[in-house]
Amino acid sequence: MPLKVVTRSVEETRALGEQLGRDVLRPGDVVVLSGELGSGKTALAQGVGRGLEVDAPVVSPTFTLVREYQGTTTKLCHVDIYRLEKVQELHNLGIEEQLEESVTLIEWGEVAASALPSERLEVRIAVGAGPDERIIELVLLGESWRRRSRRLAEIVEGFAPDEDHRIPEGSS
């Protein structure tokens, strides 16, 4: 069952990413970020960068496809595969070499799920009722993520309750 959190601003979405980067993510982790354009994937990635103490601004890799950053102790590899036409192109990017030594965030990764490691965290972001509200689901795939489920649940519980929020019609 996915963990669900609602953020009410871009800064809260970044704060969620920061907690993930600081307290949960480690080298070798793959995180798939999915959601429509403008849903907050890059904001979450910026927070992860803050949590990993990356000293450069984390920006969307849409046109470069892959951006690499050095954190204090861990590298961050931020990949955007929105423009790829075939799953084979993902292999051509050479990210397999980065997987073991980096935290790897893959925007639009759901389109290439079959080519990704089975052990991964999927972060699904949907626009909520308000302009900056985001409904974020964390789907833990694999044993290493199940072992971290308690800490992830604690992070999620730190955000305001979401009983009064809904996903707008037409979104999933």
N, C-alpha and C. Protein backbone atom coordinates (compact mmCIF):
# COMPACT_ATOMS: atom_id res chain seq x y z
N MET A 1 0.84 -1.19 0.00
CA MET A 1 0.00 0.00 0.00
C MET A 1 0.89 1.26 0.00
N PRO A 2 0.63 2.18 -0.91
CA PRO A 2 1.47 3.39 -0.99
C PRO A 2 1.28 4.27 0.24
N LEU A 3 2.32 5.01 0.57
CA LEU A 3 2.23 6.06 1.59
C LEU A 3 1.79 7.32 0.86
N LYS A 4 0.94 8.10 1.50
CA LYS A 4 0.39 9.29 0.84
C LYS A 4 0.64 10.52 1.70
N VAL A 5 1.06 11.59 1.05
CA VAL A 5 1.29 12.86 1.72
C VAL A 5 0.76 13.98 0.84
N VAL A 6 0.25 15.03 1.49
CA VAL A 6 -0.20 16.20 0.76
C VAL A 6 0.70 17.37 1.15
N THR A 7 1.27 18.02 0.14
CA THR A 7 2.04 19.24 0.39
C THR A 7 1.22 20.41 -0.11
N ARG A 8 1.36 21.54 0.53
CA ARG A 8 0.51 22.69 0.21
C ARG A 8 1.27 23.85 -0.42
N SER A 9 2.56 23.64 -0.70
CA SER A 9 3.35 24.69 -1.36
C SER A 9 4.56 24.02 -2.02
N VAL A 10 5.19 24.77 -2.90
CA VAL A 10 6.40 24.27 -3.54
C VAL A 10 7.45 24.01 -2.48
N GLU A 11 7.53 24.91 -1.48
CA GLU A 11 8.54 24.74 -0.43
C GLU A 11 8.28 23.48 0.40
N GLU A 12 7.01 23.13 0.64
CA GLU A 12 6.71 21.88 1.36
C GLU A 12 7.10 20.67 0.53
N THR A 13 6.90 20.74 -0.79
CA THR A 13 7.32 19.65 -1.66
C THR A 13 8.83 19.50 -1.61
N ARG A 14 9.55 20.63 -1.63
CA ARG A 14 11.01 20.57 -1.49
C ARG A 14 11.40 20.00 -0.12
N ALA A 15 10.67 20.39 0.92
CA ALA A 15 10.98 19.90 2.28
C ALA A 15 10.82 18.38 2.36
N LEU A 16 9.82 17.84 1.69
CA LEU A 16 9.65 16.39 1.64
C LEU A 16 10.87 15.76 0.96
N GLY A 17 11.27 16.32 -0.18
CA GLY A 17 12.45 15.81 -0.88
C GLY A 17 13.69 15.91 -0.03
N GLU A 18 13.82 17.01 0.72
CA GLU A 18 14.99 17.19 1.57
C GLU A 18 15.06 16.10 2.65
N GLN A 19 13.92 15.81 3.27
CA GLN A 19 13.91 14.76 4.29
C GLN A 19 14.26 13.40 3.67
N LEU A 20 13.75 13.13 2.48
CA LEU A 20 14.10 11.87 1.81
C LEU A 20 15.61 11.82 1.56
N GLY A 21 16.17 12.91 1.03
CA GLY A 21 17.59 12.94 0.72
C GLY A 21 18.46 12.81 1.97
N ARG A 22 18.06 13.46 3.04
CA ARG A 22 18.87 13.47 4.26
C ARG A 22 18.74 12.18 5.06
N ASP A 23 17.51 11.64 5.15
CA ASP A 23 17.22 10.56 6.11
C ASP A 23 17.00 9.18 5.51
N VAL A 24 16.75 9.09 4.21
CA VAL A 24 16.33 7.81 3.64
C VAL A 24 17.20 7.35 2.49
N LEU A 25 17.48 8.24 1.55
CA LEU A 25 18.16 7.84 0.32
C LEU A 25 19.64 7.58 0.54
N ARG A 26 20.17 6.61 -0.22
CA ARG A 26 21.59 6.25 -0.12
C ARG A 26 22.09 5.82 -1.49
N PRO A 27 23.40 5.77 -1.66
CA PRO A 27 23.94 5.37 -2.97
C PRO A 27 23.35 4.04 -3.43
N GLY A 28 23.00 3.99 -4.72
CA GLY A 28 22.41 2.79 -5.30
C GLY A 28 20.89 2.88 -5.40
N ASP A 29 20.29 3.86 -4.73
CA ASP A 29 18.83 4.00 -4.78
C ASP A 29 18.38 4.60 -6.10
N VAL A 30 17.28 4.06 -6.61
CA VAL A 30 16.62 4.59 -7.80
C VAL A 30 15.24 5.07 -7.38
N VAL A 31 14.94 6.31 -7.73
CA VAL A 31 13.65 6.91 -7.42
C VAL A 31 13.01 7.37 -8.72
N VAL A 32 11.83 6.84 -9.02
CA VAL A 32 11.09 7.22 -10.22
C VAL A 32 10.11 8.33 -9.83
N LEU A 33 10.20 9.46 -10.51
CA LEU A 33 9.31 10.59 -10.26
C LEU A 33 8.31 10.68 -11.41
N SER A 34 7.03 10.54 -11.09
CA SER A 34 6.03 10.62 -12.15
C SER A 34 4.96 11.64 -11.79
N GLY A 35 4.41 12.24 -12.82
CA GLY A 35 3.38 13.27 -12.66
C GLY A 35 3.37 14.12 -13.92
N GLU A 36 2.29 14.85 -14.09
CA GLU A 36 2.16 15.68 -15.29
C GLU A 36 3.19 16.81 -15.27
N LEU A 37 3.37 17.46 -16.42
CA LEU A 37 4.24 18.63 -16.50
C LEU A 37 3.79 19.65 -15.46
N GLY A 38 4.74 20.19 -14.72
CA GLY A 38 4.43 21.20 -13.72
C GLY A 38 3.88 20.67 -12.41
N SER A 39 3.92 19.36 -12.22
CA SER A 39 3.33 18.79 -11.00
C SER A 39 4.25 18.89 -9.79
N GLY A 40 5.54 19.10 -10.00
CA GLY A 40 6.44 19.25 -8.86
C GLY A 40 7.59 18.26 -8.80
N LYS A 41 7.83 17.55 -9.89
CA LYS A 41 8.93 16.57 -9.90
C LYS A 41 10.27 17.24 -9.65
N THR A 42 10.52 18.35 -10.33
CA THR A 42 11.80 19.03 -10.15
C THR A 42 11.89 19.66 -8.76
N ALA A 43 10.79 20.18 -8.22
CA ALA A 43 10.81 20.74 -6.86
C ALA A 43 11.19 19.66 -5.85
N LEU A 44 10.64 18.47 -6.01
CA LEU A 44 11.00 17.37 -5.12
C LEU A 44 12.49 17.04 -5.29
N ALA A 45 12.97 17.01 -6.54
CA ALA A 45 14.38 16.73 -6.81
C ALA A 45 15.28 17.79 -6.18
N GLN A 46 14.85 19.06 -6.22
CA GLN A 46 15.63 20.12 -5.58
C GLN A 46 15.75 19.87 -4.08
N GLY A 47 14.67 19.40 -3.46
CA GLY A 47 14.72 19.08 -2.05
C GLY A 47 15.66 17.93 -1.76
N VAL A 48 15.63 16.91 -2.61
CA VAL A 48 16.56 15.78 -2.44
C VAL A 48 17.99 16.30 -2.51
N GLY A 49 18.25 17.19 -3.47
CA GLY A 49 19.59 17.78 -3.58
C GLY A 49 19.99 18.51 -2.31
N ARG A 50 19.06 19.26 -1.72
CA ARG A 50 19.34 19.93 -0.45
C ARG A 50 19.66 18.92 0.64
N GLY A 51 18.88 17.84 0.69
CA GLY A 51 19.10 16.82 1.70
C GLY A 51 20.43 16.11 1.56
N LEU A 52 20.91 15.99 0.32
CA LEU A 52 22.21 15.36 0.06
C LEU A 52 23.35 16.38 0.12
N GLU A 53 23.00 17.64 0.42
CA GLU A 53 23.96 18.74 0.53
C GLU A 53 24.71 18.97 -0.78
N VAL A 54 23.95 18.97 -1.86
CA VAL A 54 24.49 19.32 -3.17
C VAL A 54 24.71 20.83 -3.18
N ASP A 55 25.87 21.28 -3.64
CA ASP A 55 26.17 22.71 -3.57
C ASP A 55 25.79 23.48 -4.84
N ALA A 56 25.31 22.81 -5.86
CA ALA A 56 24.89 23.48 -7.10
C ALA A 56 23.36 23.47 -7.18
N PRO A 57 22.78 24.43 -7.88
CA PRO A 57 21.32 24.42 -8.03
C PRO A 57 20.87 23.19 -8.84
N VAL A 58 19.86 22.50 -8.34
CA VAL A 58 19.30 21.35 -9.06
C VAL A 58 18.23 21.89 -9.99
N VAL A 59 18.42 21.66 -11.28
CA VAL A 59 17.48 22.15 -12.30
C VAL A 59 16.98 20.98 -13.14
N SER A 60 15.90 21.19 -13.82
CA SER A 60 15.33 20.14 -14.64
C SER A 60 16.30 19.72 -15.74
N PRO A 61 16.47 18.41 -15.90
CA PRO A 61 17.37 17.93 -16.96
C PRO A 61 16.65 17.68 -18.29
N THR A 62 15.52 18.34 -18.52
CA THR A 62 14.70 18.05 -19.69
C THR A 62 15.48 18.09 -20.99
N PHE A 63 16.32 19.08 -21.19
CA PHE A 63 17.00 19.21 -22.47
C PHE A 63 18.37 18.56 -22.49
N THR A 64 18.96 18.33 -21.31
CA THR A 64 20.26 17.67 -21.26
C THR A 64 20.11 16.18 -20.97
N LEU A 65 18.95 15.76 -20.56
CA LEU A 65 18.58 14.38 -20.21
C LEU A 65 19.18 13.90 -18.89
N VAL A 66 20.46 14.18 -18.63
CA VAL A 66 21.10 13.73 -17.39
C VAL A 66 21.91 14.87 -16.80
N ARG A 67 21.71 15.11 -15.51
CA ARG A 67 22.53 16.07 -14.77
C ARG A 67 23.10 15.34 -13.56
N GLU A 68 24.37 15.56 -13.30
CA GLU A 68 25.01 14.94 -12.15
C GLU A 68 25.48 16.02 -11.20
N TYR A 69 25.32 15.74 -9.90
CA TYR A 69 25.69 16.68 -8.85
C TYR A 69 26.48 15.92 -7.79
N GLN A 70 27.39 16.61 -7.14
CA GLN A 70 28.14 16.00 -6.04
C GLN A 70 27.61 16.56 -4.73
N GLY A 71 27.11 15.67 -3.88
CA GLY A 71 26.71 16.06 -2.54
C GLY A 71 27.89 15.88 -1.60
N THR A 72 27.68 16.17 -0.32
CA THR A 72 28.76 16.04 0.65
C THR A 72 29.32 14.63 0.69
N THR A 73 28.43 13.64 0.69
CA THR A 73 28.90 12.25 0.76
C THR A 73 28.38 11.39 -0.38
N THR A 74 27.38 11.87 -1.09
CA THR A 74 26.71 11.06 -2.11
C THR A 74 26.50 11.86 -3.37
N LYS A 75 26.67 11.22 -4.51
CA LYS A 75 26.35 11.84 -5.80
C LYS A 75 24.85 11.75 -6.05
N LEU A 76 24.34 12.73 -6.79
CA LEU A 76 22.96 12.74 -7.24
C LEU A 76 22.98 12.74 -8.76
N CYS A 77 22.28 11.78 -9.35
CA CYS A 77 22.13 11.70 -10.80
C CYS A 77 20.65 11.95 -11.09
N HIS A 78 20.35 13.03 -11.81
CA HIS A 78 18.97 13.44 -12.10
C HIS A 78 18.73 13.26 -13.59
N VAL A 79 17.81 12.37 -13.93
CA VAL A 79 17.58 11.97 -15.32
C VAL A 79 16.15 12.33 -15.71
N ASP A 80 15.97 12.81 -16.91
CA ASP A 80 14.64 13.09 -17.44
C ASP A 80 14.52 12.34 -18.77
N ILE A 81 13.63 11.36 -18.81
CA ILE A 81 13.53 10.56 -20.04
C ILE A 81 12.27 10.89 -20.85
N TYR A 82 11.69 12.06 -20.59
CA TYR A 82 10.48 12.49 -21.29
C TYR A 82 10.66 12.48 -22.80
N ARG A 83 11.81 12.88 -23.28
CA ARG A 83 12.04 13.00 -24.72
C ARG A 83 12.56 11.73 -25.39
N LEU A 84 12.81 10.70 -24.61
CA LEU A 84 13.30 9.46 -25.22
C LEU A 84 12.17 8.76 -25.97
N GLU A 85 12.50 8.20 -27.12
CA GLU A 85 11.50 7.52 -27.92
C GLU A 85 11.47 6.02 -27.70
N LYS A 86 12.60 5.45 -27.29
CA LYS A 86 12.68 4.00 -27.09
C LYS A 86 13.39 3.71 -25.77
N VAL A 87 13.03 2.61 -25.14
CA VAL A 87 13.67 2.21 -23.89
C VAL A 87 15.17 2.01 -24.09
N GLN A 88 15.57 1.54 -25.27
CA GLN A 88 17.00 1.33 -25.55
C GLN A 88 17.80 2.62 -25.37
N GLU A 89 17.17 3.76 -25.65
CA GLU A 89 17.87 5.04 -25.49
C GLU A 89 18.26 5.28 -24.04
N LEU A 90 17.51 4.72 -23.11
CA LEU A 90 17.85 4.84 -21.69
C LEU A 90 19.20 4.18 -21.43
N HIS A 91 19.41 3.01 -22.02
CA HIS A 91 20.71 2.33 -21.87
C HIS A 91 21.82 3.14 -22.52
N ASN A 92 21.51 3.79 -23.63
CA ASN A 92 22.51 4.59 -24.33
C ASN A 92 22.99 5.79 -23.51
N LEU A 93 22.17 6.23 -22.54
CA LEU A 93 22.58 7.35 -21.69
C LEU A 93 23.70 6.96 -20.74
N GLY A 94 23.87 5.66 -20.52
CA GLY A 94 24.96 5.19 -19.66
C GLY A 94 24.71 5.35 -18.18
N ILE A 95 23.45 5.43 -17.77
CA ILE A 95 23.21 5.64 -16.33
C ILE A 95 23.45 4.38 -15.50
N GLU A 96 23.54 3.22 -16.14
CA GLU A 96 23.80 2.00 -15.37
C GLU A 96 25.07 2.14 -14.54
N GLU A 97 26.08 2.82 -15.09
CA GLU A 97 27.34 3.01 -14.38
C GLU A 97 27.15 3.87 -13.13
N GLN A 98 26.15 4.75 -13.15
CA GLN A 98 25.91 5.66 -12.03
C GLN A 98 25.11 5.02 -10.91
N LEU A 99 24.35 3.99 -11.25
CA LEU A 99 23.37 3.46 -10.30
C LEU A 99 23.96 3.04 -8.97
N GLU A 100 25.11 2.41 -8.97
CA GLU A 100 25.66 1.90 -7.71
C GLU A 100 26.23 2.99 -6.82
N GLU A 101 26.72 4.06 -7.40
CA GLU A 101 27.40 5.07 -6.59
C GLU A 101 26.59 6.34 -6.38
N SER A 102 25.41 6.43 -6.96
CA SER A 102 24.61 7.66 -6.88
C SER A 102 23.20 7.36 -6.37
N VAL A 103 22.56 8.39 -5.87
CA VAL A 103 21.11 8.39 -5.75
C VAL A 103 20.64 8.84 -7.12
N THR A 104 19.80 8.04 -7.77
CA THR A 104 19.37 8.34 -9.13
C THR A 104 17.88 8.66 -9.15
N LEU A 105 17.54 9.87 -9.55
CA LEU A 105 16.15 10.30 -9.71
C LEU A 105 15.83 10.27 -11.18
N ILE A 106 14.73 9.60 -11.55
CA ILE A 106 14.37 9.48 -12.96
C ILE A 106 12.98 10.05 -13.17
N GLU A 107 12.92 11.23 -13.79
CA GLU A 107 11.63 11.84 -14.13
C GLU A 107 11.06 11.12 -15.34
N TRP A 108 9.76 10.86 -15.30
CA TRP A 108 9.04 10.15 -16.35
C TRP A 108 9.48 8.69 -16.45
N GLY A 109 10.07 8.16 -15.40
CA GLY A 109 10.59 6.81 -15.41
C GLY A 109 9.55 5.73 -15.59
N GLU A 110 8.30 6.06 -15.32
CA GLU A 110 7.24 5.04 -15.47
C GLU A 110 7.14 4.52 -16.89
N VAL A 111 7.57 5.31 -17.88
CA VAL A 111 7.49 4.86 -19.27
C VAL A 111 8.55 3.81 -19.59
N ALA A 112 9.56 3.70 -18.72
CA ALA A 112 10.62 2.73 -18.95
C ALA A 112 10.77 1.78 -17.76
N ALA A 113 9.67 1.55 -17.05
CA ALA A 113 9.72 0.75 -15.83
C ALA A 113 10.37 -0.61 -16.04
N SER A 114 10.13 -1.23 -17.20
CA SER A 114 10.68 -2.56 -17.45
C SER A 114 12.20 -2.56 -17.53
N ALA A 115 12.80 -1.41 -17.81
CA ALA A 115 14.26 -1.32 -17.94
C ALA A 115 14.93 -0.86 -16.64
N LEU A 116 14.13 -0.58 -15.61
CA LEU A 116 14.67 -0.07 -14.36
C LEU A 116 14.82 -1.18 -13.34
N PRO A 117 15.66 -0.96 -12.33
CA PRO A 117 15.80 -1.97 -11.28
C PRO A 117 14.46 -2.24 -10.59
N SER A 118 14.22 -3.48 -10.20
CA SER A 118 12.96 -3.81 -9.53
C SER A 118 12.91 -3.22 -8.12
N GLU A 119 14.07 -3.00 -7.50
CA GLU A 119 14.15 -2.34 -6.20
C GLU A 119 14.19 -0.84 -6.46
N ARG A 120 13.08 -0.17 -6.16
CA ARG A 120 13.05 1.28 -6.39
C ARG A 120 11.91 1.91 -5.60
N LEU A 121 11.99 3.20 -5.47
CA LEU A 121 10.92 3.99 -4.88
C LEU A 121 10.24 4.73 -6.01
N GLU A 122 8.92 4.59 -6.09
CA GLU A 122 8.17 5.35 -7.09
C GLU A 122 7.44 6.47 -6.36
N VAL A 123 7.62 7.70 -6.84
CA VAL A 123 6.98 8.87 -6.27
C VAL A 123 6.01 9.41 -7.32
N ARG A 124 4.73 9.30 -7.02
CA ARG A 124 3.69 9.74 -7.96
C ARG A 124 3.09 11.04 -7.45
N ILE A 125 3.19 12.08 -8.27
CA ILE A 125 2.76 13.42 -7.85
C ILE A 125 1.56 13.85 -8.69
N ALA A 126 0.49 14.25 -8.00
CA ALA A 126 -0.70 14.75 -8.68
C ALA A 126 -1.01 16.15 -8.14
N VAL A 127 -1.54 17.00 -9.01
CA VAL A 127 -1.95 18.34 -8.60
C VAL A 127 -3.21 18.19 -7.75
N GLY A 128 -3.23 18.88 -6.61
CA GLY A 128 -4.37 18.82 -5.70
C GLY A 128 -5.41 19.89 -6.00
N ALA A 129 -6.24 20.18 -5.01
CA ALA A 129 -7.34 21.13 -5.19
C ALA A 129 -6.85 22.57 -5.31
N GLY A 130 -5.81 22.94 -4.56
CA GLY A 130 -5.28 24.30 -4.61
C GLY A 130 -4.15 24.40 -5.63
N PRO A 131 -3.75 25.62 -6.00
CA PRO A 131 -2.74 25.80 -7.05
C PRO A 131 -1.38 25.21 -6.70
N ASP A 132 -1.00 25.21 -5.43
CA ASP A 132 0.31 24.68 -5.04
C ASP A 132 0.22 23.37 -4.28
N GLU A 133 -0.98 22.86 -4.16
CA GLU A 133 -1.18 21.61 -3.41
C GLU A 133 -0.81 20.41 -4.29
N ARG A 134 -0.08 19.48 -3.69
CA ARG A 134 0.32 18.27 -4.40
C ARG A 134 -0.02 17.05 -3.55
N ILE A 135 -0.57 16.04 -4.20
CA ILE A 135 -0.86 14.77 -3.54
C ILE A 135 0.22 13.81 -4.02
N ILE A 136 1.00 13.35 -3.07
CA ILE A 136 2.20 12.57 -3.40
C ILE A 136 2.08 11.18 -2.80
N GLU A 137 2.22 10.18 -3.65
CA GLU A 137 2.22 8.79 -3.20
C GLU A 137 3.62 8.23 -3.32
N LEU A 138 4.05 7.54 -2.28
CA LEU A 138 5.33 6.86 -2.27
C LEU A 138 5.06 5.36 -2.35
N VAL A 139 5.50 4.74 -3.42
CA VAL A 139 5.29 3.31 -3.63
C VAL A 139 6.65 2.62 -3.45
N LEU A 140 6.73 1.76 -2.46
CA LEU A 140 7.98 1.08 -2.10
C LEU A 140 8.04 -0.27 -2.81
N LEU A 141 9.01 -0.44 -3.68
CA LEU A 141 9.16 -1.68 -4.43
C LEU A 141 10.46 -2.38 -4.03
N GLY A 142 10.34 -3.55 -3.47
CA GLY A 142 11.52 -4.33 -3.11
C GLY A 142 11.79 -4.32 -1.61
N GLU A 143 12.58 -5.29 -1.21
CA GLU A 143 12.86 -5.51 0.21
C GLU A 143 13.60 -4.35 0.86
N SER A 144 14.56 -3.75 0.17
CA SER A 144 15.31 -2.65 0.80
C SER A 144 14.39 -1.47 1.12
N TRP A 145 13.38 -1.25 0.30
CA TRP A 145 12.42 -0.17 0.57
C TRP A 145 11.46 -0.56 1.68
N ARG A 146 11.05 -1.81 1.73
CA ARG A 146 10.17 -2.25 2.82
C ARG A 146 10.87 -2.09 4.17
N ARG A 147 12.18 -2.33 4.20
CA ARG A 147 12.94 -2.15 5.45
C ARG A 147 12.98 -0.69 5.89
N ARG A 148 12.79 0.23 4.94
CA ARG A 148 12.81 1.66 5.27
C ARG A 148 11.40 2.25 5.43
N SER A 149 10.40 1.39 5.37
CA SER A 149 9.02 1.87 5.39
C SER A 149 8.67 2.62 6.67
N ARG A 150 9.21 2.21 7.80
CA ARG A 150 8.90 2.89 9.05
C ARG A 150 9.39 4.34 9.01
N ARG A 151 10.63 4.55 8.57
CA ARG A 151 11.15 5.92 8.50
C ARG A 151 10.38 6.75 7.48
N LEU A 152 10.02 6.15 6.36
CA LEU A 152 9.21 6.86 5.37
C LEU A 152 7.86 7.25 5.94
N ALA A 153 7.23 6.35 6.69
CA ALA A 153 5.94 6.64 7.31
C ALA A 153 6.08 7.79 8.31
N GLU A 154 7.17 7.83 9.06
CA GLU A 154 7.39 8.93 10.01
C GLU A 154 7.51 10.27 9.28
N ILE A 155 8.19 10.26 8.15
CA ILE A 155 8.33 11.49 7.36
C ILE A 155 6.95 11.94 6.87
N VAL A 156 6.19 11.03 6.32
CA VAL A 156 4.85 11.34 5.81
C VAL A 156 3.95 11.88 6.92
N GLU A 157 4.02 11.27 8.10
CA GLU A 157 3.18 11.70 9.22
C GLU A 157 3.53 13.10 9.69
N GLY A 158 4.74 13.59 9.36
CA GLY A 158 5.14 14.93 9.75
C GLY A 158 4.44 16.03 8.98
N PHE A 159 3.74 15.68 7.93
CA PHE A 159 2.99 16.65 7.14
C PHE A 159 1.54 16.66 7.60
N ALA A 160 0.83 17.74 7.30
CA ALA A 160 -0.56 17.89 7.75
C ALA A 160 -1.44 16.77 7.22
N PRO A 161 -2.48 16.40 7.97
CA PRO A 161 -3.39 15.35 7.50
C PRO A 161 -4.05 15.73 6.18
N ASP A 162 -4.46 14.70 5.44
CA ASP A 162 -4.98 14.97 4.10
C ASP A 162 -6.44 14.57 3.91
N GLU A 163 -7.20 14.44 4.99
CA GLU A 163 -8.60 13.98 4.83
C GLU A 163 -9.42 14.92 3.94
N ASP A 164 -9.11 16.21 3.99
CA ASP A 164 -9.92 17.18 3.25
C ASP A 164 -9.41 17.43 1.84
N HIS A 165 -8.54 16.57 1.33
CA HIS A 165 -7.99 16.79 0.00
C HIS A 165 -8.42 15.69 -0.95
N ARG A 166 -8.51 16.09 -2.19
CA ARG A 166 -8.92 15.12 -3.21
C ARG A 166 -8.11 15.38 -4.46
N ILE A 167 -8.03 14.37 -5.29
CA ILE A 167 -7.40 14.53 -6.60
C ILE A 167 -8.50 15.05 -7.53
N PRO A 168 -8.25 16.16 -8.23
CA PRO A 168 -9.28 16.72 -9.12
C PRO A 168 -9.70 15.70 -10.17
N GLU A 169 -10.96 15.81 -10.59
CA GLU A 169 -11.45 14.90 -11.62
C GLU A 169 -10.60 15.02 -12.87
N GLY A 170 -10.38 13.88 -13.50
CA GLY A 170 -9.56 13.85 -14.71
C GLY A 170 -8.10 13.59 -14.43
N SER A 171 -7.70 13.64 -13.14
CA SER A 171 -6.31 13.32 -12.76
C SER A 171 -6.29 11.94 -12.18
N SER A 172 -5.11 11.32 -12.19
CA SER A 172 -4.99 10.01 -11.56
C SER A 172 -3.76 9.93 -10.74
